Protein backbone atom coordinates (compact mmCIF):
# COMPACT_ATOMS: atom_id res chain seq x y z
CA UNK A 1 -4.96 -0.41 9.78
CA UNK A 2 -3.50 -3.24 12.45
CA UNK A 3 -1.40 -6.30 10.77
CA UNK A 4 -2.39 -9.49 11.57
CA UNK A 5 0.46 -10.88 13.97
CA UNK A 6 0.55 -12.41 17.77
CA UNK A 7 -2.49 -12.83 19.61
CA UNK A 8 -2.31 -9.80 22.51
CA UNK A 9 -2.12 -12.41 24.85
CA UNK A 10 1.81 -12.75 23.49
CA UNK A 11 2.57 -9.82 23.33
CA UNK A 12 4.71 -7.00 25.78
CA UNK A 13 3.25 -4.86 27.52
CA UNK A 14 6.15 -2.75 27.73
CA UNK A 15 7.37 -2.53 24.19
CA UNK A 16 3.54 -1.33 23.16
CA UNK A 17 3.97 1.04 25.00
CA UNK A 18 6.80 2.78 23.93
CA UNK A 19 5.47 1.87 20.56
CA UNK A 20 1.83 3.66 21.15
CA UNK A 21 4.78 6.71 23.16
CA UNK A 22 6.37 7.18 19.22
CA UNK A 23 3.18 6.71 17.46
CA UNK A 24 2.00 9.64 19.97
CA UNK A 25 4.87 11.64 19.01
CA UNK A 26 4.76 11.61 15.85
CA UNK A 27 1.94 13.74 15.60
CA UNK A 28 3.68 16.09 18.41
CA UNK A 29 5.54 18.65 16.22
CA UNK A 30 6.73 20.71 18.96
CA UNK A 31 6.83 17.76 21.85
CA UNK A 32 4.49 16.85 24.19
CA UNK A 33 5.02 16.76 28.20
CA UNK A 34 4.90 13.48 30.00
CA UNK A 35 1.02 14.31 31.03
CA UNK A 36 -0.34 14.71 27.15
CA UNK A 37 1.78 11.81 26.51
CA UNK A 38 -0.07 9.85 29.22
CA UNK A 39 -3.39 11.15 28.54
CA UNK A 40 -3.12 10.29 24.43
CA UNK A 41 -1.72 6.70 24.70
CA UNK A 42 -3.30 5.92 28.38
CA UNK A 43 -2.06 4.05 31.46
CA UNK A 44 -0.29 6.22 34.65
CA UNK A 45 2.28 9.51 34.31
CA UNK A 46 4.64 7.20 36.02
CA UNK A 47 5.14 4.54 33.19
CA UNK A 48 5.05 6.75 30.74
CA UNK A 49 7.98 8.73 32.71
CA UNK A 50 9.62 5.72 33.10
CA UNK A 51 9.00 4.80 29.58
CA UNK A 52 10.25 8.26 28.12
CA UNK A 53 13.22 7.85 29.76
CA UNK A 54 14.04 4.90 28.63
CA UNK A 55 13.48 5.64 24.43
CA UNK A 56 15.54 8.70 25.36
CA UNK A 57 18.46 7.17 26.91
CA UNK A 58 18.60 4.81 23.20
CA UNK A 59 18.35 7.96 21.08
CA UNK A 60 14.52 7.47 20.15
CA UNK A 61 13.28 9.95 21.90
CA UNK A 62 15.09 13.09 23.01
CA UNK A 63 14.02 15.97 25.10
CA UNK A 64 14.43 19.53 26.22
CA UNK A 65 12.87 21.56 29.04
CA UNK A 66 12.59 20.55 33.30
CA UNK A 67 10.33 19.38 36.02
CA UNK A 68 6.82 18.87 34.26
CA UNK A 69 7.81 21.60 32.17
CA UNK A 70 9.96 18.57 29.98
CA UNK A 71 8.78 18.35 26.27
CA UNK A 72 9.65 15.30 24.79
CA UNK A 73 9.75 14.37 20.04
CA UNK A 74 11.05 11.49 18.42
CA UNK A 75 14.78 11.13 18.88
CA UNK A 76 16.86 10.63 15.19
CA UNK A 77 17.70 7.92 15.97
CA UNK A 78 15.14 6.45 14.44
CA UNK A 79 15.91 7.80 11.27
CA UNK A 80 18.64 6.46 11.09
CA UNK A 81 17.17 3.39 11.42
CA UNK A 82 14.64 3.74 8.69
CA UNK A 83 17.25 4.33 6.36
CA UNK A 84 19.14 0.92 7.42
CA UNK A 85 15.42 -0.87 7.41
CA UNK A 86 14.44 0.93 4.15
CA UNK A 87 18.28 -0.09 2.28
CA UNK A 88 18.13 -4.11 3.06
CA UNK A 89 14.59 -4.80 1.34
CA UNK A 90 13.15 -4.08 -1.88
CA UNK A 91 9.08 -4.03 -3.23
CA UNK A 92 9.66 -7.19 -4.81
CA UNK A 93 11.44 -9.65 -1.39
CA UNK A 94 8.10 -8.34 1.04
CA UNK A 95 5.50 -8.51 -2.03
CA UNK A 96 6.36 -12.30 -2.80
CA UNK A 97 4.38 -13.90 0.18
CA UNK A 98 1.58 -11.11 -0.16
CA UNK A 99 1.75 -13.02 -3.36
CA UNK A 100 1.99 -16.16 -2.51
CA UNK A 101 -0.92 -15.97 -0.25
CA UNK A 102 -2.87 -14.11 -2.81
CA UNK A 103 -2.42 -16.82 -5.43
CA UNK A 104 -3.60 -19.60 -2.79
CA UNK A 105 -6.61 -17.39 -2.11
CA UNK A 106 -8.15 -16.57 -5.29
CA UNK A 107 -6.04 -19.61 -7.90
CA UNK A 108 -5.29 -17.14 -10.43
CA UNK A 109 -1.56 -15.50 -11.80
CA UNK A 110 -0.62 -12.47 -9.06
CA UNK A 111 1.96 -10.38 -10.22
CA UNK A 112 3.75 -7.00 -8.39
CA UNK A 113 5.05 -3.98 -10.51
CA UNK A 114 6.91 -0.39 -9.94
CA UNK A 115 6.43 2.29 -11.67
CA UNK A 116 9.59 2.94 -14.60
CA UNK A 117 8.96 6.57 -15.99
CA UNK A 118 5.52 6.28 -17.71
CA UNK A 119 5.49 2.56 -17.23
CA UNK A 120 4.70 -0.03 -14.72
CA UNK A 121 7.35 -2.93 -15.25
CA UNK A 122 6.38 -6.45 -13.48
CA UNK A 123 9.05 -7.61 -10.77
CA UNK A 124 7.68 -10.18 -9.06
CA UNK A 125 4.69 -13.21 -10.44
CA UNK A 126 3.29 -16.39 -8.88
CA UNK A 127 1.90 -18.20 -11.12
CA UNK A 128 -2.21 -20.33 -10.22
CA UNK A 129 -2.83 -23.77 -10.03
CA UNK A 130 -4.77 -23.49 -12.92
CA UNK A 131 -2.15 -24.09 -15.84
CA UNK A 132 -3.38 -21.39 -17.94
CA UNK A 133 0.16 -19.20 -19.01
CA UNK A 134 -0.47 -16.11 -19.89
CA UNK A 135 2.44 -13.39 -21.79
CA UNK A 136 3.58 -11.37 -18.11
CA UNK A 137 6.76 -11.50 -18.82
CA UNK A 138 9.07 -10.28 -16.30
CA UNK A 139 10.75 -6.45 -16.96
CA UNK A 140 8.55 -6.03 -19.77
CA UNK A 141 6.69 -2.84 -19.78
CA UNK A 142 3.11 -1.86 -19.94
CA UNK A 143 1.47 1.11 -20.39
CA UNK A 144 -0.34 3.16 -17.06
CA UNK A 145 -4.06 3.64 -18.20
CA UNK A 146 -4.68 0.17 -20.21
CA UNK A 147 -2.98 -2.14 -17.12
CA UNK A 148 -4.04 -3.24 -13.64
CA UNK A 149 -1.32 -1.78 -12.11
CA UNK A 150 -0.86 0.94 -13.89
CA UNK A 151 -3.92 2.42 -13.07
CA UNK A 152 -3.92 0.92 -10.00
CA UNK A 153 -0.86 3.87 -9.48
CA UNK A 154 -2.83 6.45 -11.19
CA UNK A 155 -5.86 6.34 -9.07
CA UNK A 156 -3.37 7.72 -6.52
CA UNK A 157 -2.71 10.69 -8.11
CA UNK A 158 -4.72 13.28 -8.61
CA UNK A 159 -6.55 14.19 -11.69
CA UNK A 160 -4.09 16.70 -12.23
CA UNK A 161 -0.86 14.73 -12.32
CA UNK A 162 -2.89 11.77 -14.03
CA UNK A 163 -3.40 14.61 -17.03
CA UNK A 164 0.48 15.47 -17.16
CA UNK A 165 1.63 11.94 -16.84
CA UNK A 166 0.22 10.91 -19.65
CA UNK A 167 0.36 13.31 -21.60
CA UNK A 168 4.40 12.52 -22.14
CA UNK A 169 2.95 8.86 -23.15
CA UNK A 170 0.54 7.78 -25.50
CA UNK A 171 -2.13 6.18 -24.97
CA UNK A 172 -1.70 3.01 -27.67
CA UNK A 173 -5.35 1.41 -28.11
CA UNK A 174 -4.02 -1.76 -27.33
CA UNK A 175 -7.66 -3.64 -28.08
CA UNK A 176 -11.08 -2.28 -28.96
CA UNK A 177 -11.62 -1.97 -25.17
CA UNK A 178 -8.68 0.50 -24.30
CA UNK A 179 -9.56 3.84 -22.84
CA UNK A 180 -8.77 6.02 -25.76
CA UNK A 181 -9.14 9.98 -24.29
CA UNK A 182 -7.82 11.11 -20.63
CA UNK A 183 -11.58 12.11 -19.77
CA UNK A 184 -12.73 8.63 -19.95
CA UNK A 185 -10.43 7.59 -17.94
CA UNK A 186 -9.81 10.43 -14.71
CA UNK A 187 -13.88 8.53 -15.17
CA UNK A 188 -12.50 5.17 -15.02
CA UNK A 189 -9.72 6.48 -12.36
CA UNK A 190 -12.91 7.60 -10.20
CA UNK A 191 -14.36 3.94 -9.92
CA UNK A 192 -11.09 2.95 -8.46
CA UNK A 193 -10.33 4.93 -6.03
CA UNK A 194 -13.59 4.32 -4.12
CA UNK A 195 -14.05 0.75 -4.88
CA UNK A 196 -10.30 0.15 -3.84
CA UNK A 197 -9.01 -1.85 -7.24
CA UNK A 198 -8.91 -1.82 -10.72
CA UNK A 199 -10.22 -3.49 -13.43
CA UNK A 200 -8.38 -4.41 -16.57
CA UNK A 201 -11.52 -5.17 -18.86
CA UNK A 202 -9.89 -6.56 -21.73
CA UNK A 203 -8.27 -3.33 -21.74
CA UNK A 204 -4.41 -4.38 -22.47
CA UNK A 205 -5.29 -8.14 -24.46
CA UNK A 206 -8.54 -9.62 -25.85
CA UNK A 207 -9.85 -11.99 -23.28
CA UNK A 208 -8.11 -11.09 -20.46
CA UNK A 209 -9.71 -9.45 -17.53
CA UNK A 210 -6.73 -8.57 -14.68
CA UNK A 211 -7.74 -7.50 -11.33
CA UNK A 212 -5.50 -4.13 -9.47
CA UNK A 213 -4.69 -2.61 -6.04
CA UNK A 214 -2.32 0.30 -4.67
CA UNK A 215 0.70 -0.30 -2.97
CA UNK A 216 1.63 3.01 -0.44
CA UNK A 217 4.85 3.23 0.68
CA UNK A 218 4.86 5.36 4.15
CA UNK A 219 4.12 9.06 2.98
CA UNK A 220 1.17 7.87 1.06
CA UNK A 221 2.77 7.52 -2.45
CA UNK A 222 2.41 4.69 -4.82
CA UNK A 223 5.20 2.10 -4.37
CA UNK A 224 3.61 -0.36 -6.86
CA UNK A 225 1.17 -2.03 -7.26
CA UNK A 226 0.23 -5.98 -7.34
CA UNK A 227 -2.67 -7.77 -9.88
CA UNK A 228 -4.49 -10.96 -10.86
CA UNK A 229 -4.86 -11.47 -14.11
CA UNK A 230 -7.51 -14.50 -15.71
CA UNK A 231 -9.63 -14.98 -18.20
CA UNK A 232 -12.87 -13.62 -19.47
CA UNK A 233 -14.59 -16.43 -20.35
CA UNK A 234 -17.20 -17.03 -17.82
CA UNK A 235 -16.16 -14.27 -15.63
CA UNK A 236 -18.91 -12.93 -13.26
CA UNK A 237 -19.65 -8.64 -11.87
CA UNK A 238 -19.97 -10.79 -8.08
CA UNK A 239 -16.58 -12.68 -8.69
CA UNK A 240 -15.18 -9.22 -9.54
CA UNK A 241 -15.70 -8.20 -6.48
CA UNK A 242 -14.94 -11.11 -4.82
CA UNK A 243 -11.18 -11.25 -6.11
CA UNK A 244 -11.12 -7.23 -5.59
CA UNK A 245 -11.27 -7.41 -2.37
CA UNK A 246 -8.48 -10.44 -1.74
CA UNK A 247 -6.27 -7.79 -4.28
CA UNK A 248 -7.36 -4.37 -2.11
CA UNK A 249 -6.75 -6.88 1.23
CA UNK A 250 -3.08 -7.69 0.13
CA UNK A 251 -2.50 -4.43 -1.14
CA UNK A 252 -3.08 -3.15 2.45
CA UNK A 253 -1.29 -5.90 3.88
CA UNK A 254 2.50 -4.91 1.68
CA UNK A 255 1.59 -1.21 2.01
CA UNK A 256 1.82 -1.87 6.14
CA UNK A 257 5.09 -3.81 5.69
CA UNK A 258 5.94 -0.75 3.58
CA UNK A 259 5.17 1.19 6.78
CA UNK A 260 1.98 2.75 5.29
CA UNK A 261 -0.58 2.48 8.67
CA UNK A 262 -2.87 4.98 7.12
CA UNK A 263 -4.38 3.33 4.27
CA UNK A 264 -6.18 5.35 1.55
CA UNK A 265 -8.27 2.79 -0.75
CA UNK A 266 -11.35 0.73 0.82
CA UNK A 267 -12.98 -1.71 -1.04
CA UNK A 268 -17.27 -0.47 -1.35
CA UNK A 269 -19.54 -3.09 -3.00
CA UNK A 270 -21.43 -0.67 -3.88
CA UNK A 271 -19.72 1.74 -6.37
CA UNK A 272 -18.98 -1.50 -7.93
CA UNK A 273 -20.28 -0.68 -12.11
């Protein structure tokens, strides 16, 4: 996934080459020669060699060997930089601009939540412009099996992990529409994975629909989820798809901000139903 940003004309080519080289070295557990790196990223071997030497001088790349047999690996300074970056951000801090953009786009209240033990807890919210206020309290525990944010998080797990997770907390019937069993939940999560977003169709509160999508960290695990909320009355299936696509798109953008460049979820309208 490519995060929207400055137009290509305003980017610095040498910096982009350096980043391309770092990305190429991610896949090279046994290191790579200048020739191999140049073949991967494009450009002349002399330009790639100069960039590699610069990155080595700053600790972002390390090397061993001599001549054309010299091999290059990612440098340990990247670990230090990554730890500092992670220590200075929280999911809520990163999510709030994305929630504001999502709410502006779909005119609905948006939320970001994270998993706490076997529940989800909302840590950030942006109110929609409709004036309708939902009982969506910050810091309040919600069930994984009945909420859109909870099901979005569960959908990133294997069926075995889901079964183990829900076994630790009773599947409380919040409404008549709440999913009542593990097999039914697994069937619903399969649809979530196909279409790219989860739906809480009056499963947590009567008359209320939420649509969510998972937020993935750099390892591909769920750091949390975002969702939007609206009343069920007048909601059409095509509206669910439109809003679901928007929620999934902003979730991918937030995942990118967390370091995930290979989102596992994609939206497929044909799987809706």
